C-alpha atoms as a PDB file:
ATOM      1  CA  MET A   1       0.010  -0.017  -0.050  1.00  0.00           C
ATOM      2  CA  VAL A   2       1.341   3.424  -0.925  1.00  0.00           C
ATOM      3  CA  LEU A   3       2.006   5.697   2.070  1.00  0.00           C
ATOM      4  CA  ILE A   4       0.128   8.937   1.436  1.00  0.00           C
ATOM      5  CA  GLN A   5       1.812  11.854   3.260  1.00  0.00           C
ATOM      6  CA  GLU A   6      -1.385  13.970   3.553  1.00  0.00           C
ATOM      7  CA  ARG A   7      -4.665  12.440   4.559  1.00  0.00           C
ATOM      8  CA  VAL A   8      -6.978  15.366   3.752  1.00  0.00           C
ATOM      9  CA  TYR A   9      -8.548  13.544   0.871  1.00  0.00           C
ATOM     10  CA  MET A  10      -9.560  10.659   3.113  1.00  0.00           C
ATOM     11  CA  GLN A  11     -11.993  12.985   4.864  1.00  0.00           C
ATOM     12  CA  ARG A  12     -13.778  14.132   1.741  1.00  0.00           C
ATOM     13  CA  ILE A  13     -14.911  12.755  -1.564  1.00  0.00           C
ATOM     14  CA  ILE A  14     -12.513  12.952  -4.523  1.00  0.00           C
ATOM     15  CA  ARG A  15     -14.613  13.897  -7.504  1.00  0.00           C
ATOM     16  CA  ILE A  16     -13.211  12.557 -10.742  1.00  0.00           C
ATOM     17  CA  GLY A  17     -14.423  14.121 -14.008  1.00  0.00           C
ATOM     18  CA  THR A  18     -14.691  12.124 -17.291  1.00  0.00           C
ATOM     19  CA  ARG A  19     -16.511  11.899 -20.565  1.00  0.00           C
ATOM     20  CA  GLY A  20     -19.537   9.706 -20.660  1.00  0.00           C
ATOM     21  CA  SER A  21     -18.539   7.169 -23.340  1.00  0.00           C
ATOM     22  CA  ARG A  22     -18.147   3.456 -22.389  1.00  0.00           C
ATOM     23  CA  LEU A  23     -14.409   3.794 -22.947  1.00  0.00           C
ATOM     24  CA  ALA A  24     -14.033   6.984 -20.900  1.00  0.00           C
ATOM     25  CA  ARG A  25     -15.890   5.298 -18.013  1.00  0.00           C
ATOM     26  CA  ALA A  26     -13.724   2.172 -18.367  1.00  0.00           C
ATOM     27  CA  GLN A  27     -10.580   4.225 -18.153  1.00  0.00           C
ATOM     28  CA  THR A  28     -11.861   6.135 -15.144  1.00  0.00           C
ATOM     29  CA  ASP A  29     -12.623   2.775 -13.417  1.00  0.00           C
ATOM     30  CA  ILE A  30      -8.964   1.808 -14.032  1.00  0.00           C
ATOM     31  CA  VAL A  31      -7.779   5.075 -12.354  1.00  0.00           C
ATOM     32  CA  ILE A  32     -10.175   4.601  -9.461  1.00  0.00           C
ATOM     33  CA  ASP A  33      -9.110   0.954  -9.035  1.00  0.00           C
ATOM     34  CA  ARG A  34      -5.471   2.065  -8.864  1.00  0.00           C
ATOM     35  CA  LEU A  35      -6.210   4.754  -6.232  1.00  0.00           C
ATOM     36  CA  LYS A  36      -8.290   2.298  -4.142  1.00  0.00           C
ATOM     37  CA  LYS A  37      -5.557  -0.245  -4.188  1.00  0.00           C
ATOM     38  CA  ALA A  38      -3.182   2.311  -2.905  1.00  0.00           C
ATOM     39  CA  ASP A  39      -5.580   3.439  -0.194  1.00  0.00           C
ATOM     40  CA  PRO A  40      -8.877   1.596   0.276  1.00  0.00           C
ATOM     41  CA  SER A  41     -10.205   4.344   2.596  1.00  0.00           C
ATOM     42  CA  LEU A  42     -10.367   6.950  -0.223  1.00  0.00           C
ATOM     43  CA  GLN A  43     -13.866   8.065  -1.105  1.00  0.00           C
ATOM     44  CA  ILE A  44     -14.227   8.634  -4.820  1.00  0.00           C
ATOM     45  CA  GLU A  45     -17.122   9.866  -6.942  1.00  0.00           C
ATOM     46  CA  THR A  46     -17.333   9.916 -10.772  1.00  0.00           C
ATOM     47  CA  VAL A  47     -18.743  13.073 -12.442  1.00  0.00           C
ATOM     48  CA  ILE A  48     -19.779  12.654 -16.104  1.00  0.00           C
ATOM     49  CA  ILE A  49     -19.202  15.733 -18.242  1.00  0.00           C
ATOM     50  CA  THR A  50     -20.391  16.182 -21.791  1.00  0.00           C
ATOM     51  CA  THR A  51     -17.833  17.815 -24.088  1.00  0.00           C
ATOM     52  CA  THR A  52     -18.176  19.642 -27.322  1.00  0.00           C
ATOM     53  CA  GLY A  53     -16.643  16.614 -29.063  1.00  0.00           C
ATOM     54  CA  ASP A  54     -19.365  14.382 -27.601  1.00  0.00           C
ATOM     55  CA  LYS A  55     -22.204  16.759 -28.688  1.00  0.00           C
ATOM     56  CA  ASP A  56     -21.018  17.013 -32.264  1.00  0.00           C
ATOM     57  CA  GLN A  57     -20.120  13.654 -33.614  1.00  0.00           C
ATOM     58  CA  LYS A  58     -20.540  14.521 -37.280  1.00  0.00           C
ATOM     59  CA  THR A  59     -18.172  17.526 -37.984  1.00  0.00           C
ATOM     60  CA  SER A  60     -14.523  16.759 -38.676  1.00  0.00           C
ATOM     61  CA  LEU A  61     -12.238  17.397 -35.697  1.00  0.00           C
ATOM     62  CA  LYS A  62     -10.120  19.941 -37.524  1.00  0.00           C
ATOM     63  CA  ASP A  63     -13.298  22.004 -38.278  1.00  0.00           C
ATOM     64  CA  ILE A  64     -14.650  22.069 -34.695  1.00  0.00           C
ATOM     65  CA  GLY A  65     -11.480  22.963 -32.786  1.00  0.00           C
ATOM     66  CA  GLY A  66      -9.237  19.865 -32.853  1.00  0.00           C
ATOM     67  CA  LYS A  67      -8.518  17.423 -30.073  1.00  0.00           C
ATOM     68  CA  GLY A  68      -9.175  20.043 -27.418  1.00  0.00           C
ATOM     69  CA  VAL A  69     -12.939  19.643 -27.883  1.00  0.00           C
ATOM     70  CA  PHE A  70     -12.738  16.444 -25.797  1.00  0.00           C
ATOM     71  CA  ILE A  71     -11.237  18.036 -22.778  1.00  0.00           C
ATOM     72  CA  ARG A  72     -12.174  21.733 -22.581  1.00  0.00           C
ATOM     73  CA  GLU A  73     -15.401  21.351 -20.527  1.00  0.00           C
ATOM     74  CA  ILE A  74     -13.622  18.876 -18.196  1.00  0.00           C
ATOM     75  CA  GLU A  75     -10.760  21.336 -17.590  1.00  0.00           C
ATOM     76  CA  HIS A  76     -13.331  24.101 -16.875  1.00  0.00           C
ATOM     77  CA  ALA A  77     -14.860  21.888 -14.273  1.00  0.00           C
ATOM     78  CA  LEU A  78     -11.442  21.399 -12.560  1.00  0.00           C
ATOM     79  CA  LEU A  79     -10.829  25.190 -12.554  1.00  0.00           C
ATOM     80  CA  ASP A  80     -14.244  26.004 -10.990  1.00  0.00           C
ATOM     81  CA  ASN A  81     -13.806  23.157  -8.370  1.00  0.00           C
ATOM     82  CA  THR A  82     -16.687  21.084  -9.630  1.00  0.00           C
ATOM     83  CA  ILE A  83     -14.254  18.088  -9.800  1.00  0.00           C
ATOM     84  CA  ASP A  84     -10.835  17.452  -8.180  1.00  0.00           C
ATOM     85  CA  LEU A  85      -9.230  15.153 -10.834  1.00  0.00           C
ATOM     86  CA  ALA A  86      -9.833  14.699 -14.581  1.00  0.00           C
ATOM     87  CA  VAL A  87      -9.221  11.544 -16.546  1.00  0.00           C
ATOM     88  CA  HIS A  88      -8.313  11.969 -20.240  1.00  0.00           C
ATOM     89  CA  SER A  89      -7.008   9.898 -23.096  1.00  0.00           C
ATOM     90  CA  PHE A  90      -3.545  11.465 -23.290  1.00  0.00           C
ATOM     91  CA  LYS A  91      -3.818  11.648 -27.112  1.00  0.00           C
ATOM     92  CA  ASP A  92      -6.775  14.050 -26.742  1.00  0.00           C
ATOM     93  CA  ILE A  93      -4.625  16.597 -24.860  1.00  0.00           C
ATOM     94  CA  THR A  94      -3.345  19.404 -27.115  1.00  0.00           C
ATOM     95  CA  CYS A  95       0.026  21.030 -26.771  1.00  0.00           C
ATOM     96  CA  GLN A  96      -0.835  22.851 -23.560  1.00  0.00           C
ATOM     97  CA  THR A  97      -3.040  22.440 -20.581  1.00  0.00           C
ATOM     98  CA  ALA A  98      -5.250  25.274 -19.321  1.00  0.00           C
ATOM     99  CA  ASP A  99      -3.627  27.840 -17.049  1.00  0.00           C
ATOM    100  CA  GLY A 100      -3.865  26.728 -13.407  1.00  0.00           C
ATOM    101  CA  LEU A 101      -3.857  23.006 -14.271  1.00  0.00           C
ATOM    102  CA  ARG A 102      -1.149  20.373 -14.592  1.00  0.00           C
ATOM    103  CA  LEU A 103      -0.760  16.766 -15.635  1.00  0.00           C
ATOM    104  CA  ALA A 104      -0.377  14.762 -12.387  1.00  0.00           C
ATOM    105  CA  GLY A 105      -0.047  11.149 -13.463  1.00  0.00           C
ATOM    106  CA  PHE A 106      -0.054   8.699 -16.324  1.00  0.00           C
ATOM    107  CA  LEU A 107      -0.940   5.013 -16.627  1.00  0.00           C
ATOM    108  CA  LYS A 108       0.979   2.699 -18.971  1.00  0.00           C
ATOM    109  CA  PRO A 109      -0.955   1.651 -22.044  1.00  0.00           C
ATOM    110  CA  GLU A 110      -1.865  -1.954 -22.729  1.00  0.00           C
ATOM    111  CA  SER A 111      -0.731  -1.202 -26.265  1.00  0.00           C
ATOM    112  CA  VAL A 112       0.277   1.797 -28.347  1.00  0.00           C
ATOM    113  CA  CYS A 113      -0.643   0.161 -31.655  1.00  0.00           C
ATOM    114  CA  ASP A 114      -3.165   1.165 -34.221  1.00  0.00           C
ATOM    115  CA  VAL A 115      -5.249  -1.766 -35.502  1.00  0.00           C
ATOM    116  CA  LEU A 116      -7.559  -2.608 -38.381  1.00  0.00           C
ATOM    117  CA  ILE A 117     -11.031  -4.000 -38.014  1.00  0.00           C
ATOM    118  CA  SER A 118     -12.354  -5.122 -41.326  1.00  0.00           C
ATOM    119  CA  ARG A 119     -15.307  -7.147 -42.571  1.00  0.00           C
ATOM    120  CA  ASN A 120     -14.585 -10.773 -42.540  1.00  0.00           C
ATOM    121  CA  THR A 121     -11.302 -10.028 -40.558  1.00  0.00           C
ATOM    122  CA  MET A 122      -9.504  -9.398 -43.868  1.00  0.00           C
ATOM    123  CA  PRO A 123      -5.828  -8.192 -43.608  1.00  0.00           C
ATOM    124  CA  PHE A 124      -5.106  -4.687 -44.878  1.00  0.00           C
ATOM    125  CA  ASN A 125      -3.273  -5.825 -47.978  1.00  0.00           C
ATOM    126  CA  ASP A 126      -6.041  -8.183 -48.951  1.00  0.00           C
ATOM    127  CA  ILE A 127      -8.839  -5.588 -48.911  1.00  0.00           C
ATOM    128  CA  PRO A 128     -10.112  -5.051 -52.503  1.00  0.00           C
ATOM    129  CA  SER A 129      -9.005  -1.933 -54.383  1.00  0.00           C
ATOM    130  CA  GLY A 130     -11.468   0.828 -54.036  1.00  0.00           C
ATOM    131  CA  SER A 131     -12.794  -0.245 -50.642  1.00  0.00           C
ATOM    132  CA  THR A 132     -13.732   2.354 -48.036  1.00  0.00           C
ATOM    133  CA  ILE A 133     -11.685   2.744 -44.817  1.00  0.00           C
ATOM    134  CA  GLY A 134     -13.028   4.942 -42.087  1.00  0.00           C
ATOM    135  CA  THR A 135     -10.662   7.081 -39.924  1.00  0.00           C
ATOM    136  CA  GLY A 136     -10.957  10.396 -38.327  1.00  0.00           C
ATOM    137  CA  SER A 137      -7.232  10.839 -37.967  1.00  0.00           C
ATOM    138  CA  MET A 138      -5.112  12.691 -40.488  1.00  0.00           C
ATOM    139  CA  ARG A 139      -2.166  10.908 -39.107  1.00  0.00           C
ATOM    140  CA  ARG A 140      -3.569   7.506 -39.766  1.00  0.00           C
ATOM    141  CA  ARG A 141      -4.719   8.527 -43.228  1.00  0.00           C
ATOM    142  CA  VAL A 142      -1.203   9.665 -44.179  1.00  0.00           C
ATOM    143  CA  LEU A 143       0.346   6.354 -42.943  1.00  0.00           C
ATOM    144  CA  LEU A 144      -2.292   4.190 -44.609  1.00  0.00           C
ATOM    145  CA  LYS A 145      -1.915   5.994 -47.973  1.00  0.00           C
ATOM    146  CA  ARG A 146       1.862   5.290 -47.832  1.00  0.00           C
ATOM    147  CA  ILE A 147       1.006   1.592 -47.719  1.00  0.00           C
ATOM    148  CA  ARG A 148      -1.998   1.605 -50.044  1.00  0.00           C
ATOM    149  CA  ASN A 149      -3.127   4.582 -52.208  1.00  0.00           C
ATOM    150  CA  ASP A 150      -5.758   2.589 -54.066  1.00  0.00           C
ATOM    151  CA  LEU A 151      -8.294   2.639 -51.104  1.00  0.00           C
ATOM    152  CA  LYS A 152     -10.876   5.319 -50.267  1.00  0.00           C
ATOM    153  CA  TYR A 153     -10.205   6.924 -46.867  1.00  0.00           C
ATOM    154  CA  VAL A 154     -13.177   8.767 -45.359  1.00  0.00           C
ATOM    155  CA  ASP A 155     -13.807  10.570 -42.159  1.00  0.00           C
ATOM    156  CA  ILE A 156     -15.459   8.843 -39.239  1.00  0.00           C
ATOM    157  CA  ARG A 157     -16.692  10.177 -35.865  1.00  0.00           C
ATOM    158  CA  GLY A 158     -18.338   8.687 -32.833  1.00  0.00           C
ATOM    159  CA  ASN A 159     -17.309   6.317 -30.048  1.00  0.00           C
ATOM    160  CA  ILE A 160     -15.817   2.851 -30.583  1.00  0.00           C
ATOM    161  CA  ASP A 161     -19.178   1.051 -30.364  1.00  0.00           C
ATOM    162  CA  THR A 162     -20.683   3.408 -32.923  1.00  0.00           C
ATOM    163  CA  ARG A 163     -17.852   3.038 -35.325  1.00  0.00           C
ATOM    164  CA  ILE A 164     -17.869  -0.749 -35.202  1.00  0.00           C
ATOM    165  CA  ALA A 165     -21.662  -0.744 -35.711  1.00  0.00           C
ATOM    166  CA  ARG A 166     -21.305   1.329 -38.847  1.00  0.00           C
ATOM    167  CA  LEU A 167     -18.683  -1.066 -40.113  1.00  0.00           C
ATOM    168  CA  ASP A 168     -21.013  -3.977 -39.459  1.00  0.00           C
ATOM    169  CA  GLU A 169     -23.860  -2.126 -41.261  1.00  0.00           C
ATOM    170  CA  GLY A 170     -21.651  -1.990 -44.354  1.00  0.00           C
ATOM    171  CA  VAL A 171     -20.928   1.743 -44.333  1.00  0.00           C
ATOM    172  CA  TYR A 172     -17.154   0.965 -44.287  1.00  0.00           C
ATOM    173  CA  ASP A 173     -15.116  -1.991 -45.424  1.00  0.00           C
ATOM    174  CA  GLY A 174     -12.640  -1.284 -42.561  1.00  0.00           C
ATOM    175  CA  ILE A 175     -11.874   1.085 -39.737  1.00  0.00           C
ATOM    176  CA  VAL A 176      -8.685   1.946 -37.877  1.00  0.00           C
ATOM    177  CA  LEU A 177      -8.656   2.318 -34.110  1.00  0.00           C
ATOM    178  CA  SER A 178      -6.396   2.245 -31.028  1.00  0.00           C
ATOM    179  CA  GLU A 179      -5.774  -1.259 -29.742  1.00  0.00           C
ATOM    180  CA  ALA A 180      -5.724  -0.101 -26.150  1.00  0.00           C
ATOM    181  CA  GLY A 181      -9.331   1.102 -26.318  1.00  0.00           C
ATOM    182  CA  LEU A 182     -10.469  -2.173 -27.722  1.00  0.00           C
ATOM    183  CA  ILE A 183      -8.709  -4.106 -24.998  1.00  0.00           C
ATOM    184  CA  ARG A 184     -10.312  -1.998 -22.305  1.00  0.00           C
ATOM    185  CA  LEU A 185     -13.748  -2.699 -23.730  1.00  0.00           C
ATOM    186  CA  GLY A 186     -13.056  -6.349 -24.294  1.00  0.00           C
ATOM    187  CA  LEU A 187     -13.321  -6.066 -28.088  1.00  0.00           C
ATOM    188  CA  GLN A 188      -9.866  -7.232 -29.030  1.00  0.00           C
ATOM    189  CA  ASP A 189     -11.305 -10.273 -30.789  1.00  0.00           C
ATOM    190  CA  ARG A 190     -12.509  -7.870 -33.560  1.00  0.00           C
ATOM    191  CA  ILE A 191      -9.006  -6.986 -34.574  1.00  0.00           C
ATOM    192  CA  SER A 192      -8.060  -8.014 -38.192  1.00  0.00           C
ATOM    193  CA  GLU A 193      -4.498  -6.634 -38.157  1.00  0.00           C
ATOM    194  CA  ARG A 194      -2.103  -4.932 -35.787  1.00  0.00           C
ATOM    195  CA  PHE A 195       0.202  -2.279 -37.187  1.00  0.00           C
ATOM    196  CA  ASN A 196       3.791  -2.151 -35.960  1.00  0.00           C
ATOM    197  CA  PRO A 197       4.329   1.111 -34.129  1.00  0.00           C
ATOM    198  CA  GLU A 198       7.906   1.341 -35.306  1.00  0.00           C
ATOM    199  CA  TRP A 199       6.756   2.131 -38.788  1.00  0.00           C
ATOM    200  CA  PHE A 200       3.018   2.910 -38.296  1.00  0.00           C
ATOM    201  CA  ILE A 201       3.858   5.585 -35.702  1.00  0.00           C
ATOM    202  CA  PRO A 202       1.036   6.125 -33.186  1.00  0.00           C
ATOM    203  CA  ALA A 203      -0.390   9.420 -31.970  1.00  0.00           C
ATOM    204  CA  PRO A 204       1.581  10.958 -29.112  1.00  0.00           C
ATOM    205  CA  GLY A 205       0.351   9.361 -25.944  1.00  0.00           C
ATOM    206  CA  GLN A 206      -1.830   6.773 -27.752  1.00  0.00           C
ATOM    207  CA  GLY A 207      -3.265   4.332 -25.216  1.00  0.00           C
ATOM    208  CA  VAL A 208      -1.987   6.340 -22.227  1.00  0.00           C
ATOM    209  CA  ILE A 209      -4.458   7.386 -19.579  1.00  0.00           C
ATOM    210  CA  ALA A 210      -3.598  10.938 -18.181  1.00  0.00           C
ATOM    211  CA  VAL A 211      -4.775  12.360 -14.918  1.00  0.00           C
ATOM    212  CA  GLU A 212      -4.968  16.137 -14.513  1.00  0.00           C
ATOM    213  CA  SER A 213      -5.180  18.210 -11.367  1.00  0.00           C
ATOM    214  CA  ARG A 214      -5.227  21.780 -10.250  1.00  0.00           C
ATOM    215  CA  ALA A 215      -1.690  23.218 -10.157  1.00  0.00           C
ATOM    216  CA  ASN A 216      -2.131  24.485  -6.615  1.00  0.00           C
ATOM    217  CA  ASP A 217      -3.411  21.178  -5.259  1.00  0.00           C
ATOM    218  CA  GLU A 218      -0.153  19.808  -3.858  1.00  0.00           C
ATOM    219  CA  SER A 219      -1.509  16.984  -1.814  1.00  0.00           C
ATOM    220  CA  LEU A 220      -3.574  15.449  -4.608  1.00  0.00           C
ATOM    221  CA  PHE A 221      -0.746  15.944  -7.038  1.00  0.00           C
ATOM    222  CA  ARG A 222       1.625  13.954  -4.670  1.00  0.00           C
ATOM    223  CA  LEU A 223      -1.064  11.244  -4.336  1.00  0.00           C
ATOM    224  CA  CYS A 224      -1.122  10.908  -8.119  1.00  0.00           C
ATOM    225  CA  GLN A 225       2.651  10.833  -8.193  1.00  0.00           C
ATOM    226  CA  ASP A 226       2.871   8.072  -5.610  1.00  0.00           C
ATOM    227  CA  VAL A 227       0.134   5.939  -7.252  1.00  0.00           C
ATOM    228  CA  PHE A 228       0.651   6.150 -10.987  1.00  0.00           C
ATOM    229  CA  ASP A 229       3.441   4.984 -13.213  1.00  0.00           C
ATOM    230  CA  LYS A 230       6.802   6.743 -12.763  1.00  0.00           C
ATOM    231  CA  GLU A 231       8.352   5.484 -16.024  1.00  0.00           C
ATOM    232  CA  GLN A 232       5.224   6.544 -17.958  1.00  0.00           C
ATOM    233  CA  PHE A 233       5.442   9.996 -16.314  1.00  0.00           C
ATOM    234  CA  LEU A 234       8.953  10.349 -17.744  1.00  0.00           C
ATOM    235  CA  LEU A 235       7.889   9.079 -21.188  1.00  0.00           C
ATOM    236  CA  SER A 236       4.721  11.150 -21.437  1.00  0.00           C
ATOM    237  CA  GLY A 237       6.460  14.164 -19.915  1.00  0.00           C
ATOM    238  CA  ALA A 238       9.049  13.978 -22.727  1.00  0.00           C
ATOM    239  CA  GLU A 239       6.331  13.633 -25.401  1.00  0.00           C
ATOM    240  CA  PHE A 240       4.362  16.535 -23.976  1.00  0.00           C
ATOM    241  CA  MET A 241       7.467  18.675 -24.124  1.00  0.00           C
ATOM    242  CA  VAL A 242       7.812  17.924 -27.796  1.00  0.00           C
ATOM    243  CA  LEU A 243       4.176  18.792 -28.342  1.00  0.00           C
ATOM    244  CA  GLU A 244       4.621  22.195 -26.585  1.00  0.00           C
ATOM    245  CA  GLU A 245       7.729  23.017 -28.500  1.00  0.00           C
ATOM    246  CA  ILE A 246       6.419  22.066 -31.956  1.00  0.00           C
ATOM    247  CA  GLY A 247       2.939  23.475 -31.367  1.00  0.00           C
ATOM    248  CA  PHE A 248       1.301  21.469 -34.144  1.00  0.00           C
ATOM    249  CA  ASP A 249      -2.483  21.328 -34.117  1.00  0.00           C
ATOM    250  CA  CYS A 250      -4.799  18.696 -35.642  1.00  0.00           C
ATOM    251  CA  ARG A 251      -4.388  20.077 -39.106  1.00  0.00           C
ATOM    252  CA  MET A 252      -0.818  18.792 -39.170  1.00  0.00           C
ATOM    253  CA  PRO A 253      -0.551  14.955 -39.417  1.00  0.00           C
ATOM    254  CA  PHE A 254       1.848  14.044 -36.676  1.00  0.00           C
ATOM    255  CA  GLY A 255       2.878  10.842 -34.841  1.00  0.00           C
ATOM    256  CA  MET A 256       5.311   9.988 -32.039  1.00  0.00           C
ATOM    257  CA  HIS A 257       6.476   6.701 -30.487  1.00  0.00           C
ATOM    258  CA  SER A 258       8.696   6.674 -27.413  1.00  0.00           C
ATOM    259  CA  ARG A 259      10.117   3.809 -25.338  1.00  0.00           C
ATOM    260  CA  ILE A 260      12.778   3.019 -22.776  1.00  0.00           C
ATOM    261  CA  ASP A 261      14.996  -0.082 -23.180  1.00  0.00           C
ATOM    262  CA  LYS A 262      17.824  -0.811 -20.777  1.00  0.00           C
ATOM    263  CA  GLY A 263      18.070   2.814 -19.696  1.00  0.00           C
ATOM    264  CA  ILE A 264      17.963   4.265 -23.154  1.00  0.00           C
ATOM    265  CA  LEU A 265      15.069   6.493 -24.269  1.00  0.00           C
ATOM    266  CA  THR A 266      14.204   6.457 -27.977  1.00  0.00           C
ATOM    267  CA  MET A 267      11.790   8.895 -29.427  1.00  0.00           C
ATOM    268  CA  LYS A 268      10.659   8.689 -33.077  1.00  0.00           C
ATOM    269  CA  ALA A 269       8.282  11.046 -34.756  1.00  0.00           C
ATOM    270  CA  PHE A 270       6.997  12.129 -38.091  1.00  0.00           C
ATOM    271  CA  TYR A 271       4.897  14.737 -39.728  1.00  0.00           C
ATOM    272  CA  GLU A 272       3.633  15.496 -43.160  1.00  0.00           C
ATOM    273  CA  ASN A 273       3.317  19.043 -44.509  1.00  0.00           C
ATOM    274  CA  PRO A 274      -0.335  19.236 -45.778  1.00  0.00           C
ATOM    275  CA  GLU A 275       0.593  21.960 -48.241  1.00  0.00           C
ATOM    276  CA  ASN A 276       3.218  20.112 -50.188  1.00  0.00           C
ATOM    277  CA  GLY A 277       3.007  16.525 -48.968  1.00  0.00           C
ATOM    278  CA  THR A 278       6.674  16.536 -47.633  1.00  0.00           C
ATOM    279  CA  TYR A 279       7.074  13.617 -45.222  1.00  0.00           C
ATOM    280  CA  VAL A 280       9.655  14.072 -42.438  1.00  0.00           C
ATOM    281  CA  GLU A 281      10.577  11.317 -39.925  1.00  0.00           C
ATOM    282  CA  GLU A 282      13.285  11.608 -37.268  1.00  0.00           C
ATOM    283  CA  THR A 283      14.607   9.764 -34.242  1.00  0.00           C
ATOM    284  CA  ALA A 284      16.351  10.975 -31.114  1.00  0.00           C
ATOM    285  CA  THR A 285      17.927   8.720 -28.478  1.00  0.00           C
ATOM    286  CA  GLY A 286      19.884   8.949 -25.311  1.00  0.00           C
ATOM    287  CA  SER A 287      19.961   8.237 -21.533  1.00  0.00           C
ATOM    288  CA  SER A 288      16.529   7.932 -20.002  1.00  0.00           C
ATOM    289  CA  SER A 289      17.817  10.171 -17.246  1.00  0.00           C
ATOM    290  CA  LEU A 290      17.810  13.126 -19.610  1.00  0.00           C
ATOM    291  CA  PRO A 291      14.396  13.081 -21.183  1.00  0.00           C
ATOM    292  CA  SER A 292      14.166  16.861 -21.760  1.00  0.00           C
ATOM    293  CA  GLU A 293      17.394  16.902 -23.664  1.00  0.00           C
ATOM    294  CA  ILE A 294      16.193  14.045 -25.967  1.00  0.00           C
ATOM    295  CA  ALA A 295      12.905  15.847 -26.486  1.00  0.00           C
ATOM    296  CA  VAL A 296      14.666  19.042 -27.487  1.00  0.00           C
ATOM    297  CA  GLN A 297      17.007  16.978 -29.827  1.00  0.00           C
ATOM    298  CA  LEU A 298      13.936  15.530 -31.499  1.00  0.00           C
ATOM    299  CA  VAL A 299      12.303  18.928 -31.939  1.00  0.00           C
ATOM    300  CA  GLU A 300      15.469  20.332 -33.506  1.00  0.00           C
ATOM    301  CA  LYS A 301      15.677  17.418 -35.907  1.00  0.00           C
ATOM    302  CA  LEU A 302      11.959  17.654 -36.944  1.00  0.00           C
ATOM    303  CA  LEU A 303      12.026  21.419 -37.456  1.00  0.00           C
ATOM    304  CA  GLY A 304      15.610  21.560 -38.775  1.00  0.00           C
END
């Protein structure tokens, strides 16, 4: 059991804000389970918050404000003390958090891979030419086109259940999703093909659950630091630094994959210039004790 230095949160309910989708609730349950294992006496309440991204499931993300539409209302609830912690998919966080807030903890992903779900569990290379593949991600579309440019890639919105239902209805011949989300919902048996993240580079923070707190809430921040994954905090912190420095929004296809192996941190990233189609891929590596230096090195290579 983790020794918590301040017990103030044992005497009150910790209110955790999250979106209302089945995946968001499952991820919040994972966070609550981790907190409860650390200290069973904690009282925790889940607060469901509807975001702009949940209200509008038809408009393309780049047209309604980018990934921030999934966290904006939740961050407002943190700032006005309606909730005490927020649970996000890290990949939904933009290149900065709202003033007065900070990322307090991260949970390791079950997988960082993108996966294909197709009709009749057909592998990607076997899907007939001209078939329709649904993806709401510019990053995924760029990478898929580099493998096969003979398929039709169309926008798709909605939660995982909605997307799979539309595939089953015949609207799409295949859809591309995050493997971690499927695992958390017990839907991994639907996977037709798993893409290797070394060459099909995932979104920054894909599969990672992020916990956000108020910047002035030291005791709750320390609780999160004690409970959640320290190595993931290092990895995700380095990726967030790259996002801050580069400042790309959802109109720039961008991917990043980071890992630590035997004390060595390797960060690989790519982007494609949407104006001229130039594809840039770079890698930075070094001691995992110097994550900020490796992040800066990667940014310099990407923008150089």
